[in-house]
Amino acid sequence: MAEVDLDIAGRSYRVACRTGEEETLRHAAQLVDGKSREALAGLGVLSESRQLLFASLLLADQIIDNRAEDPGAAPDPALTGRVVRLAERLEQLADSLEKDAPKE
């Protein structure tokens, strides 16, 4: 297992991945960071978990839109697997953030 340091939405994360997938994970983090910043710009102040949630929704919407442009195209199994792993990791991060967040 490898570990990669990622910066998303102004915060640093150390994330484990399979050896050889580091660059793919960095690229995925750049996409999430971009969508996270897009969510923040469009919606104003958000908690970290909500910012990541909206980034995930924006990315999912982009994937859906791309599929709609070519409805006959089969999804790329490698891409689908990466999206599933990324979604699982985002859910884990959101759960962790919610557990660690101070109670209001």
PDB file of N, CA and C in Angstrom:
ATOM      1  N   MET A   1       0.830  -1.180   0.000  1.00  0.00           N
ATOM      2  CA  MET A   1       0.000   0.000   0.000  1.00  0.00           C
ATOM      3  C   MET A   1       0.878   1.248   0.000  1.00  0.00           C
ATOM      4  N   ALA A   2       0.437   2.220  -0.745  1.00  0.00           N
ATOM      5  CA  ALA A   2       1.120   3.511  -0.795  1.00  0.00           C
ATOM      6  C   ALA A   2       0.264   4.541  -0.070  1.00  0.00           C
ATOM      7  N   GLU A   3       0.862   5.641   0.305  1.00  0.00           N
ATOM      8  CA  GLU A   3       0.126   6.750   0.893  1.00  0.00           C
ATOM      9  C   GLU A   3       0.418   8.003   0.089  1.00  0.00           C
ATOM     10  N   VAL A   4      -0.616   8.816  -0.084  1.00  0.00           N
ATOM     11  CA  VAL A   4      -0.505  10.031  -0.879  1.00  0.00           C
ATOM     12  C   VAL A   4      -1.041  11.187  -0.047  1.00  0.00           C
ATOM     13  N   ASP A   5      -0.335  12.310  -0.070  1.00  0.00           N
ATOM     14  CA  ASP A   5      -0.820  13.531   0.570  1.00  0.00           C
ATOM     15  C   ASP A   5      -1.615  14.313  -0.464  1.00  0.00           C
ATOM     16  N   LEU A   6      -2.851  14.654  -0.110  1.00  0.00           N
ATOM     17  CA  LEU A   6      -3.741  15.358  -1.020  1.00  0.00           C
ATOM     18  C   LEU A   6      -4.212  16.657  -0.380  1.00  0.00           C
ATOM     19  N   ASP A   7      -4.411  17.680  -1.191  1.00  0.00           N
ATOM     20  CA  ASP A   7      -4.997  18.933  -0.724  1.00  0.00           C
ATOM     21  C   ASP A   7      -6.336  19.094  -1.417  1.00  0.00           C
ATOM     22  N   ILE A   8      -7.389  19.118  -0.605  1.00  0.00           N
ATOM     23  CA  ILE A   8      -8.748  19.268  -1.129  1.00  0.00           C
ATOM     24  C   ILE A   8      -9.452  20.327  -0.298  1.00  0.00           C
ATOM     25  N   ALA A   9      -9.974  21.338  -0.964  1.00  0.00           N
ATOM     26  CA  ALA A   9     -10.738  22.396  -0.308  1.00  0.00           C
ATOM     27  C   ALA A   9      -9.928  23.072   0.797  1.00  0.00           C
ATOM     28  N   GLY A  10      -8.627  23.249   0.541  1.00  0.00           N
ATOM     29  CA  GLY A  10      -7.789  23.937   1.498  1.00  0.00           C
ATOM     30  C   GLY A  10      -7.344  23.111   2.691  1.00  0.00           C
ATOM     31  N   ARG A  11      -7.626  21.820   2.675  1.00  0.00           N
ATOM     32  CA  ARG A  11      -7.220  20.943   3.771  1.00  0.00           C
ATOM     33  C   ARG A  11      -6.353  19.820   3.226  1.00  0.00           C
ATOM     34  N   SER A  12      -5.475  19.336   4.062  1.00  0.00           N
ATOM     35  CA  SER A  12      -4.577  18.255   3.663  1.00  0.00           C
ATOM     36  C   SER A  12      -5.080  16.926   4.199  1.00  0.00           C
ATOM     37  N   TYR A  13      -4.938  15.907   3.374  1.00  0.00           N
ATOM     38  CA  TYR A  13      -5.357  14.553   3.741  1.00  0.00           C
ATOM     39  C   TYR A  13      -4.255  13.587   3.335  1.00  0.00           C
ATOM     40  N   ARG A  14      -4.015  12.600   4.161  1.00  0.00           N
ATOM     41  CA  ARG A  14      -3.115  11.500   3.807  1.00  0.00           C
ATOM     42  C   ARG A  14      -4.032  10.312   3.541  1.00  0.00           C
ATOM     43  N   VAL A  15      -3.953   9.782   2.317  1.00  0.00           N
ATOM     44  CA  VAL A  15      -4.861   8.724   1.887  1.00  0.00           C
ATOM     45  C   VAL A  15      -4.052   7.535   1.383  1.00  0.00           C
ATOM     46  N   ALA A  16      -4.462   6.345   1.795  1.00  0.00           N
ATOM     47  CA  ALA A  16      -3.801   5.124   1.326  1.00  0.00           C
ATOM     48  C   ALA A  16      -4.412   4.695   0.001  1.00  0.00           C
ATOM     49  N   CYS A  17      -3.584   4.108  -0.832  1.00  0.00           N
ATOM     50  CA  CYS A  17      -4.054   3.567  -2.106  1.00  0.00           C
ATOM     51  C   CYS A  17      -3.151   2.407  -2.494  1.00  0.00           C
ATOM     52  N   ARG A  18      -3.562   1.677  -3.512  1.00  0.00           N
ATOM     53  CA  ARG A  18      -2.720   0.591  -4.006  1.00  0.00           C
ATOM     54  C   ARG A  18      -1.469   1.168  -4.652  1.00  0.00           C
ATOM     55  N   THR A  19      -0.379   0.481  -4.495  1.00  0.00           N
ATOM     56  CA  THR A  19       0.865   0.905  -5.127  1.00  0.00           C
ATOM     57  C   THR A  19       0.652   0.992  -6.640  1.00  0.00           C
ATOM     58  N   GLY A  20       1.070   2.090  -7.215  1.00  0.00           N
ATOM     59  CA  GLY A  20       0.903   2.312  -8.647  1.00  0.00           C
ATOM     60  C   GLY A  20      -0.301   3.176  -8.981  1.00  0.00           C
ATOM     61  N   GLU A  21      -1.203   3.400  -8.013  1.00  0.00           N
ATOM     62  CA  GLU A  21      -2.397   4.219  -8.258  1.00  0.00           C
ATOM     63  C   GLU A  21      -2.260   5.639  -7.724  1.00  0.00           C
ATOM     64  N   GLU A  22      -1.052   6.002  -7.302  1.00  0.00           N
ATOM     65  CA  GLU A  22      -0.851   7.306  -6.689  1.00  0.00           C
ATOM     66  C   GLU A  22      -1.231   8.461  -7.621  1.00  0.00           C
ATOM     67  N   GLU A  23      -0.784   8.399  -8.860  1.00  0.00           N
ATOM     68  CA  GLU A  23      -1.049   9.500  -9.792  1.00  0.00           C
ATOM     69  C   GLU A  23      -2.540   9.601 -10.112  1.00  0.00           C
ATOM     70  N   THR A  24      -3.197   8.468 -10.231  1.00  0.00           N
ATOM     71  CA  THR A  24      -4.642   8.473 -10.468  1.00  0.00           C
ATOM     72  C   THR A  24      -5.366   9.117  -9.297  1.00  0.00           C
ATOM     73  N   LEU A  25      -4.938   8.786  -8.083  1.00  0.00           N
ATOM     74  CA  LEU A  25      -5.554   9.365  -6.886  1.00  0.00           C
ATOM     75  C   LEU A  25      -5.304  10.870  -6.824  1.00  0.00           C
ATOM     76  N   ARG A  26      -4.103  11.289  -7.178  1.00  0.00           N
ATOM     77  CA  ARG A  26      -3.810  12.734  -7.204  1.00  0.00           C
ATOM     78  C   ARG A  26      -4.704  13.454  -8.215  1.00  0.00           C
ATOM     79  N   HIS A  27      -4.882  12.843  -9.372  1.00  0.00           N
ATOM     80  CA  HIS A  27      -5.751  13.446 -10.394  1.00  0.00           C
ATOM     81  C   HIS A  27      -7.196  13.515  -9.892  1.00  0.00           C
ATOM     82  N   ALA A  28      -7.669  12.442  -9.260  1.00  0.00           N
ATOM     83  CA  ALA A  28      -9.029  12.436  -8.706  1.00  0.00           C
ATOM     84  C   ALA A  28      -9.176  13.531  -7.655  1.00  0.00           C
ATOM     85  N   ALA A  29      -8.146  13.701  -6.828  1.00  0.00           N
ATOM     86  CA  ALA A  29      -8.186  14.743  -5.797  1.00  0.00           C
ATOM     87  C   ALA A  29      -8.266  16.131  -6.420  1.00  0.00           C
ATOM     88  N   GLN A  30      -7.566  16.332  -7.541  1.00  0.00           N
ATOM     89  CA  GLN A  30      -7.632  17.624  -8.230  1.00  0.00           C
ATOM     90  C   GLN A  30      -9.053  17.894  -8.723  1.00  0.00           C
ATOM     91  N   LEU A  31      -9.711  16.860  -9.235  1.00  0.00           N
ATOM     92  CA  LEU A  31     -11.088  17.020  -9.695  1.00  0.00           C
ATOM     93  C   LEU A  31     -12.014  17.351  -8.528  1.00  0.00           C
ATOM     94  N   VAL A  32     -11.858  16.625  -7.430  1.00  0.00           N
ATOM     95  CA  VAL A  32     -12.694  16.870  -6.247  1.00  0.00           C
ATOM     96  C   VAL A  32     -12.418  18.269  -5.695  1.00  0.00           C
ATOM     97  N   ASP A  33     -11.149  18.663  -5.647  1.00  0.00           N
ATOM     98  CA  ASP A  33     -10.794  19.996  -5.163  1.00  0.00           C
ATOM     99  C   ASP A  33     -11.455  21.070  -6.026  1.00  0.00           C
ATOM    100  N   GLY A  34     -11.393  20.901  -7.333  1.00  0.00           N
ATOM    101  CA  GLY A  34     -12.014  21.876  -8.230  1.00  0.00           C
ATOM    102  C   GLY A  34     -13.513  21.983  -8.012  1.00  0.00           C
ATOM    103  N   LYS A  35     -14.172  20.845  -7.883  1.00  0.00           N
ATOM    104  CA  LYS A  35     -15.620  20.859  -7.667  1.00  0.00           C
ATOM    105  C   LYS A  35     -15.956  21.377  -6.277  1.00  0.00           C
ATOM    106  N   SER A  36     -15.092  21.103  -5.315  1.00  0.00           N
ATOM    107  CA  SER A  36     -15.295  21.605  -3.959  1.00  0.00           C
ATOM    108  C   SER A  36     -15.249  23.130  -3.944  1.00  0.00           C
ATOM    109  N   ARG A  37     -14.273  23.667  -4.651  1.00  0.00           N
ATOM    110  CA  ARG A  37     -14.156  25.125  -4.732  1.00  0.00           C
ATOM    111  C   ARG A  37     -15.330  25.721  -5.527  1.00  0.00           C
ATOM    112  N   GLU A  38     -15.787  24.995  -6.532  1.00  0.00           N
ATOM    113  CA  GLU A  38     -16.956  25.432  -7.304  1.00  0.00           C
ATOM    114  C   GLU A  38     -18.194  25.478  -6.405  1.00  0.00           C
ATOM    115  N   ALA A  39     -18.363  24.454  -5.567  1.00  0.00           N
ATOM    116  CA  ALA A  39     -19.502  24.423  -4.641  1.00  0.00           C
ATOM    117  C   ALA A  39     -19.425  25.588  -3.661  1.00  0.00           C
ATOM    118  N   LEU A  40     -18.246  25.838  -3.157  1.00  0.00           N
ATOM    119  CA  LEU A  40     -18.058  26.917  -2.198  1.00  0.00           C
ATOM    120  C   LEU A  40     -18.356  28.274  -2.839  1.00  0.00           C
ATOM    121  N   ALA A  41     -17.901  28.446  -4.078  1.00  0.00           N
ATOM    122  CA  ALA A  41     -18.139  29.714  -4.778  1.00  0.00           C
ATOM    123  C   ALA A  41     -19.628  29.927  -5.045  1.00  0.00           C
ATOM    124  N   GLY A  42     -20.334  28.844  -5.347  1.00  0.00           N
ATOM    125  CA  GLY A  42     -21.743  28.967  -5.679  1.00  0.00           C
ATOM    126  C   GLY A  42     -22.668  29.017  -4.477  1.00  0.00           C
ATOM    127  N   LEU A  43     -22.248  28.410  -3.368  1.00  0.00           N
ATOM    128  CA  LEU A  43     -23.148  28.289  -2.220  1.00  0.00           C
ATOM    129  C   LEU A  43     -22.688  29.064  -0.994  1.00  0.00           C
ATOM    130  N   GLY A  44     -21.505  29.631  -1.026  1.00  0.00           N
ATOM    131  CA  GLY A  44     -21.012  30.382   0.127  1.00  0.00           C
ATOM    132  C   GLY A  44     -20.391  29.468   1.169  1.00  0.00           C
ATOM    133  N   VAL A  45     -20.462  29.863   2.402  1.00  0.00           N
ATOM    134  CA  VAL A  45     -19.825  29.135   3.492  1.00  0.00           C
ATOM    135  C   VAL A  45     -20.503  27.782   3.700  1.00  0.00           C
ATOM    136  N   LEU A  46     -19.679  26.722   3.692  1.00  0.00           N
ATOM    137  CA  LEU A  46     -20.172  25.364   3.908  1.00  0.00           C
ATOM    138  C   LEU A  46     -19.260  24.664   4.901  1.00  0.00           C
ATOM    139  N   SER A  47     -19.824  23.742   5.665  1.00  0.00           N
ATOM    140  CA  SER A  47     -18.967  22.900   6.489  1.00  0.00           C
ATOM    141  C   SER A  47     -18.146  22.019   5.555  1.00  0.00           C
ATOM    142  N   GLU A  48     -17.069  21.484   6.080  1.00  0.00           N
ATOM    143  CA  GLU A  48     -16.195  20.645   5.261  1.00  0.00           C
ATOM    144  C   GLU A  48     -16.944  19.447   4.690  1.00  0.00           C
ATOM    145  N   SER A  49     -17.757  18.794   5.513  1.00  0.00           N
ATOM    146  CA  SER A  49     -18.468  17.614   5.025  1.00  0.00           C
ATOM    147  C   SER A  49     -19.488  17.990   3.953  1.00  0.00           C
ATOM    148  N   ARG A  50     -20.160  19.133   4.106  1.00  0.00           N
ATOM    149  CA  ARG A  50     -21.131  19.549   3.082  1.00  0.00           C
ATOM    150  C   ARG A  50     -20.419  19.990   1.806  1.00  0.00           C
ATOM    151  N   GLN A  51     -19.257  20.599   1.957  1.00  0.00           N
ATOM    152  CA  GLN A  51     -18.483  21.001   0.783  1.00  0.00           C
ATOM    153  C   GLN A  51     -18.084  19.765  -0.021  1.00  0.00           C
ATOM    154  N   LEU A  52     -17.631  18.710   0.664  1.00  0.00           N
ATOM    155  CA  LEU A  52     -17.275  17.471  -0.024  1.00  0.00           C
ATOM    156  C   LEU A  52     -18.508  16.789  -0.600  1.00  0.00           C
ATOM    157  N   LEU A  53     -19.633  16.870   0.113  1.00  0.00           N
ATOM    158  CA  LEU A  53     -20.875  16.299  -0.408  1.00  0.00           C
ATOM    159  C   LEU A  53     -21.258  16.972  -1.724  1.00  0.00           C
ATOM    160  N   PHE A  54     -21.260  18.302  -1.739  1.00  0.00           N
ATOM    161  CA  PHE A  54     -21.645  19.005  -2.961  1.00  0.00           C
ATOM    162  C   PHE A  54     -20.633  18.781  -4.075  1.00  0.00           C
ATOM    163  N   ALA A  55     -19.372  18.669  -3.740  1.00  0.00           N
ATOM    164  CA  ALA A  55     -18.361  18.349  -4.763  1.00  0.00           C
ATOM    165  C   ALA A  55     -18.663  16.995  -5.377  1.00  0.00           C
ATOM    166  N   SER A  56     -19.010  16.022  -4.544  1.00  0.00           N
ATOM    167  CA  SER A  56     -19.356  14.685  -5.045  1.00  0.00           C
ATOM    168  C   SER A  56     -20.582  14.738  -5.949  1.00  0.00           C
ATOM    169  N   LEU A  57     -21.568  15.506  -5.532  1.00  0.00           N
ATOM    170  CA  LEU A  57     -22.789  15.616  -6.349  1.00  0.00           C
ATOM    171  C   LEU A  57     -22.501  16.300  -7.684  1.00  0.00           C
ATOM    172  N   LEU A  58     -21.658  17.325  -7.670  1.00  0.00           N
ATOM    173  CA  LEU A  58     -21.294  17.988  -8.923  1.00  0.00           C
ATOM    174  C   LEU A  58     -20.547  17.042  -9.856  1.00  0.00           C
ATOM    175  N   LEU A  59     -19.649  16.237  -9.301  1.00  0.00           N
ATOM    176  CA  LEU A  59     -18.926  15.259 -10.126  1.00  0.00           C
ATOM    177  C   LEU A  59     -19.876  14.199 -10.674  1.00  0.00           C
ATOM    178  N   ALA A  60     -20.784  13.722  -9.835  1.00  0.00           N
ATOM    179  CA  ALA A  60     -21.751  12.723 -10.297  1.00  0.00           C
ATOM    180  C   ALA A  60     -22.637  13.304 -11.400  1.00  0.00           C
ATOM    181  N   ASP A  61     -23.047  14.549 -11.237  1.00  0.00           N
ATOM    182  CA  ASP A  61     -23.862  15.205 -12.253  1.00  0.00           C
ATOM    183  C   ASP A  61     -23.099  15.313 -13.570  1.00  0.00           C
ATOM    184  N   GLN A  62     -21.818  15.617 -13.486  1.00  0.00           N
ATOM    185  CA  GLN A  62     -20.986  15.702 -14.685  1.00  0.00           C
ATOM    186  C   GLN A  62     -20.896  14.345 -15.372  1.00  0.00           C
ATOM    187  N   ILE A  63     -20.746  13.280 -14.613  1.00  0.00           N
ATOM    188  CA  ILE A  63     -20.696  11.927 -15.185  1.00  0.00           C
ATOM    189  C   ILE A  63     -22.015  11.593 -15.862  1.00  0.00           C
ATOM    190  N   ILE A  64     -23.120  11.925 -15.197  1.00  0.00           N
ATOM    191  CA  ILE A  64     -24.447  11.655 -15.765  1.00  0.00           C
ATOM    192  C   ILE A  64     -24.634  12.430 -17.062  1.00  0.00           C
ATOM    193  N   ASP A  65     -24.230  13.695 -17.064  1.00  0.00           N
ATOM    194  CA  ASP A  65     -24.346  14.504 -18.280  1.00  0.00           C
ATOM    195  C   ASP A  65     -23.521  13.913 -19.415  1.00  0.00           C
ATOM    196  N   ASN A  66     -22.326  13.437 -19.113  1.00  0.00           N
ATOM    197  CA  ASN A  66     -21.484  12.827 -20.146  1.00  0.00           C
ATOM    198  C   ASN A  66     -22.123  11.569 -20.707  1.00  0.00           C
ATOM    199  N   ARG A  67     -22.773  10.797 -19.876  1.00  0.00           N
ATOM    200  CA  ARG A  67     -23.467   9.592 -20.348  1.00  0.00           C
ATOM    201  C   ARG A  67     -24.658   9.959 -21.221  1.00  0.00           C
ATOM    202  N   ALA A  68     -25.351  11.044 -20.859  1.00  0.00           N
ATOM    203  CA  ALA A  68     -26.520  11.462 -21.622  1.00  0.00           C
ATOM    204  C   ALA A  68     -26.132  11.883 -23.036  1.00  0.00           C
ATOM    205  N   GLU A  69     -24.911  12.402 -23.188  1.00  0.00           N
ATOM    206  CA  GLU A  69     -24.442  12.816 -24.510  1.00  0.00           C
ATOM    207  C   GLU A  69     -24.229  11.622 -25.433  1.00  0.00           C
ATOM    208  N   ASP A  70     -23.915  10.464 -24.872  1.00  0.00           N
ATOM    209  CA  ASP A  70     -23.692   9.253 -25.663  1.00  0.00           C
ATOM    210  C   ASP A  70     -24.371   8.082 -24.956  1.00  0.00           C
ATOM    211  N   PRO A  71     -25.723   8.015 -25.041  1.00  0.00           N
ATOM    212  CA  PRO A  71     -26.458   7.003 -24.280  1.00  0.00           C
ATOM    213  C   PRO A  71     -26.139   5.568 -24.674  1.00  0.00           C
ATOM    214  N   GLY A  72     -25.618   5.347 -25.855  1.00  0.00           N
ATOM    215  CA  GLY A  72     -25.315   3.988 -26.286  1.00  0.00           C
ATOM    216  C   GLY A  72     -23.970   3.475 -25.806  1.00  0.00           C
ATOM    217  N   ALA A  73     -23.158   4.384 -25.284  1.00  0.00           N
ATOM    218  CA  ALA A  73     -21.819   3.997 -24.844  1.00  0.00           C
ATOM    219  C   ALA A  73     -21.875   3.265 -23.515  1.00  0.00           C
ATOM    220  N   ALA A  74     -21.170   2.171 -23.460  1.00  0.00           N
ATOM    221  CA  ALA A  74     -21.077   1.424 -22.206  1.00  0.00           C
ATOM    222  C   ALA A  74     -20.090   2.134 -21.285  1.00  0.00           C
ATOM    223  N   PRO A  75     -20.375   2.165 -19.986  1.00  0.00           N
ATOM    224  CA  PRO A  75     -19.436   2.814 -19.076  1.00  0.00           C
ATOM    225  C   PRO A  75     -18.105   2.078 -19.052  1.00  0.00           C
ATOM    226  N   ASP A  76     -17.048   2.824 -18.956  1.00  0.00           N
ATOM    227  CA  ASP A  76     -15.705   2.253 -18.858  1.00  0.00           C
ATOM    228  C   ASP A  76     -15.581   1.556 -17.505  1.00  0.00           C
ATOM    229  N   PRO A  77     -15.365   0.223 -17.491  1.00  0.00           N
ATOM    230  CA  PRO A  77     -15.305  -0.499 -16.212  1.00  0.00           C
ATOM    231  C   PRO A  77     -14.203   0.019 -15.285  1.00  0.00           C
ATOM    232  N   ALA A  78     -13.075   0.427 -15.832  1.00  0.00           N
ATOM    233  CA  ALA A  78     -11.999   0.955 -14.987  1.00  0.00           C
ATOM    234  C   ALA A  78     -12.429   2.264 -14.336  1.00  0.00           C
ATOM    235  N   LEU A  79     -13.076   3.132 -15.116  1.00  0.00           N
ATOM    236  CA  LEU A  79     -13.550   4.401 -14.587  1.00  0.00           C
ATOM    237  C   LEU A  79     -14.642   4.172 -13.545  1.00  0.00           C
ATOM    238  N   THR A  80     -15.530   3.261 -13.845  1.00  0.00           N
ATOM    239  CA  THR A  80     -16.602   2.944 -12.897  1.00  0.00           C
ATOM    240  C   THR A  80     -16.024   2.471 -11.570  1.00  0.00           C
ATOM    241  N   GLY A  81     -15.033   1.606 -11.620  1.00  0.00           N
ATOM    242  CA  GLY A  81     -14.392   1.122 -10.401  1.00  0.00           C
ATOM    243  C   GLY A  81     -13.739   2.237  -9.616  1.00  0.00           C
ATOM    244  N   ARG A  82     -13.072   3.137 -10.327  1.00  0.00           N
ATOM    245  CA  ARG A  82     -12.424   4.263  -9.647  1.00  0.00           C
ATOM    246  C   ARG A  82     -13.445   5.184  -9.003  1.00  0.00           C
ATOM    247  N   VAL A  83     -14.551   5.434  -9.710  1.00  0.00           N
ATOM    248  CA  VAL A  83     -15.598   6.295  -9.163  1.00  0.00           C
ATOM    249  C   VAL A  83     -16.193   5.657  -7.908  1.00  0.00           C
ATOM    250  N   VAL A  84     -16.418   4.355  -7.950  1.00  0.00           N
ATOM    251  CA  VAL A  84     -16.962   3.652  -6.780  1.00  0.00           C
ATOM    252  C   VAL A  84     -15.992   3.754  -5.610  1.00  0.00           C
ATOM    253  N   ARG A  85     -14.710   3.520  -5.849  1.00  0.00           N
ATOM    254  CA  ARG A  85     -13.716   3.608  -4.771  1.00  0.00           C
ATOM    255  C   ARG A  85     -13.621   5.033  -4.232  1.00  0.00           C
ATOM    256  N   LEU A  86     -13.687   6.002  -5.118  1.00  0.00           N
ATOM    257  CA  LEU A  86     -13.635   7.392  -4.689  1.00  0.00           C
ATOM    258  C   LEU A  86     -14.860   7.744  -3.851  1.00  0.00           C
ATOM    259  N   ALA A  87     -16.025   7.307  -4.293  1.00  0.00           N
ATOM    260  CA  ALA A  87     -17.247   7.572  -3.532  1.00  0.00           C
ATOM    261  C   ALA A  87     -17.182   6.927  -2.151  1.00  0.00           C
ATOM    262  N   GLU A  88     -16.679   5.699  -2.083  1.00  0.00           N
ATOM    263  CA  GLU A  88     -16.546   5.023  -0.789  1.00  0.00           C
ATOM    264  C   GLU A  88     -15.594   5.792   0.122  1.00  0.00           C
ATOM    265  N   ARG A  89     -14.487   6.248  -0.440  1.00  0.00           N
ATOM    266  CA  ARG A  89     -13.516   6.998   0.364  1.00  0.00           C
ATOM    267  C   ARG A  89     -14.100   8.317   0.831  1.00  0.00           C
ATOM    268  N   LEU A  90     -14.858   9.002  -0.035  1.00  0.00           N
ATOM    269  CA  LEU A  90     -15.491  10.256   0.358  1.00  0.00           C
ATOM    270  C   LEU A  90     -16.499  10.029   1.482  1.00  0.00           C
ATOM    271  N   GLU A  91     -17.231   8.929   1.402  1.00  0.00           N
ATOM    272  CA  GLU A  91     -18.175   8.604   2.473  1.00  0.00           C
ATOM    273  C   GLU A  91     -17.432   8.366   3.781  1.00  0.00           C
ATOM    274  N   GLN A  92     -16.298   7.667   3.724  1.00  0.00           N
ATOM    275  CA  GLN A  92     -15.501   7.418   4.926  1.00  0.00           C
ATOM    276  C   GLN A  92     -14.988   8.743   5.505  1.00  0.00           C
ATOM    277  N   LEU A  93     -14.504   9.620   4.635  1.00  0.00           N
ATOM    278  CA  LEU A  93     -14.011  10.918   5.093  1.00  0.00           C
ATOM    279  C   LEU A  93     -15.130  11.745   5.721  1.00  0.00           C
ATOM    280  N   ALA A  94     -16.293  11.767   5.077  1.00  0.00           N
ATOM    281  CA  ALA A  94     -17.427  12.523   5.616  1.00  0.00           C
ATOM    282  C   ALA A  94     -17.844  11.964   6.970  1.00  0.00           C
ATOM    283  N   ASP A  95     -17.897  10.640   7.101  1.00  0.00           N
ATOM    284  CA  ASP A  95     -18.242  10.019   8.387  1.00  0.00           C
ATOM    285  C   ASP A  95     -17.232  10.419   9.451  1.00  0.00           C
ATOM    286  N   SER A  96     -15.963  10.365   9.096  1.00  0.00           N
ATOM    287  CA  SER A  96     -14.901  10.717  10.038  1.00  0.00           C
ATOM    288  C   SER A  96     -15.008  12.178  10.452  1.00  0.00           C
ATOM    289  N   LEU A  97     -15.267  13.052   9.488  1.00  0.00           N
ATOM    290  CA  LEU A  97     -15.399  14.479   9.794  1.00  0.00           C
ATOM    291  C   LEU A  97     -16.591  14.742  10.699  1.00  0.00           C
ATOM    292  N   GLU A  98     -17.690  14.077  10.433  1.00  0.00           N
ATOM    293  CA  GLU A  98     -18.883  14.272  11.256  1.00  0.00           C
ATOM    294  C   GLU A  98     -18.666  13.767  12.677  1.00  0.00           C
ATOM    295  N   LYS A  99     -17.928  12.660  12.847  1.00  0.00           N
ATOM    296  CA  LYS A  99     -17.635  12.138  14.182  1.00  0.00           C
ATOM    297  C   LYS A  99     -16.728  13.075  14.950  1.00  0.00           C
ATOM    298  N   ASP A 100     -15.756  13.685  14.240  1.00  0.00           N
ATOM    299  CA  ASP A 100     -14.765  14.548  14.885  1.00  0.00           C
ATOM    300  C   ASP A 100     -15.238  15.996  15.044  1.00  0.00           C
ATOM    301  N   ALA A 101     -16.333  16.351  14.384  1.00  0.00           N
ATOM    302  CA  ALA A 101     -16.804  17.737  14.423  1.00  0.00           C
ATOM    303  C   ALA A 101     -17.317  18.075  15.823  1.00  0.00           C
ATOM    304  N   PRO A 102     -17.027  19.288  16.285  1.00  0.00           N
ATOM    305  CA  PRO A 102     -17.560  19.698  17.594  1.00  0.00           C
ATOM    306  C   PRO A 102     -19.082  19.762  17.538  1.00  0.00           C
ATOM    307  N   LYS A 103     -19.689  19.350  18.595  1.00  0.00           N
ATOM    308  CA  LYS A 103     -21.159  19.376  18.691  1.00  0.00           C
ATOM    309  C   LYS A 103     -21.614  20.821  18.897  1.00  0.00           C
ATOM    310  N   GLU A 104     -22.656  21.187  18.159  1.00  0.00           N
ATOM    311  CA  GLU A 104     -23.171  22.574  18.268  1.00  0.00           C
ATOM    312  C   GLU A 104     -24.221  22.660  19.336  1.00  0.00           C
TER     313      GLU A 104
END
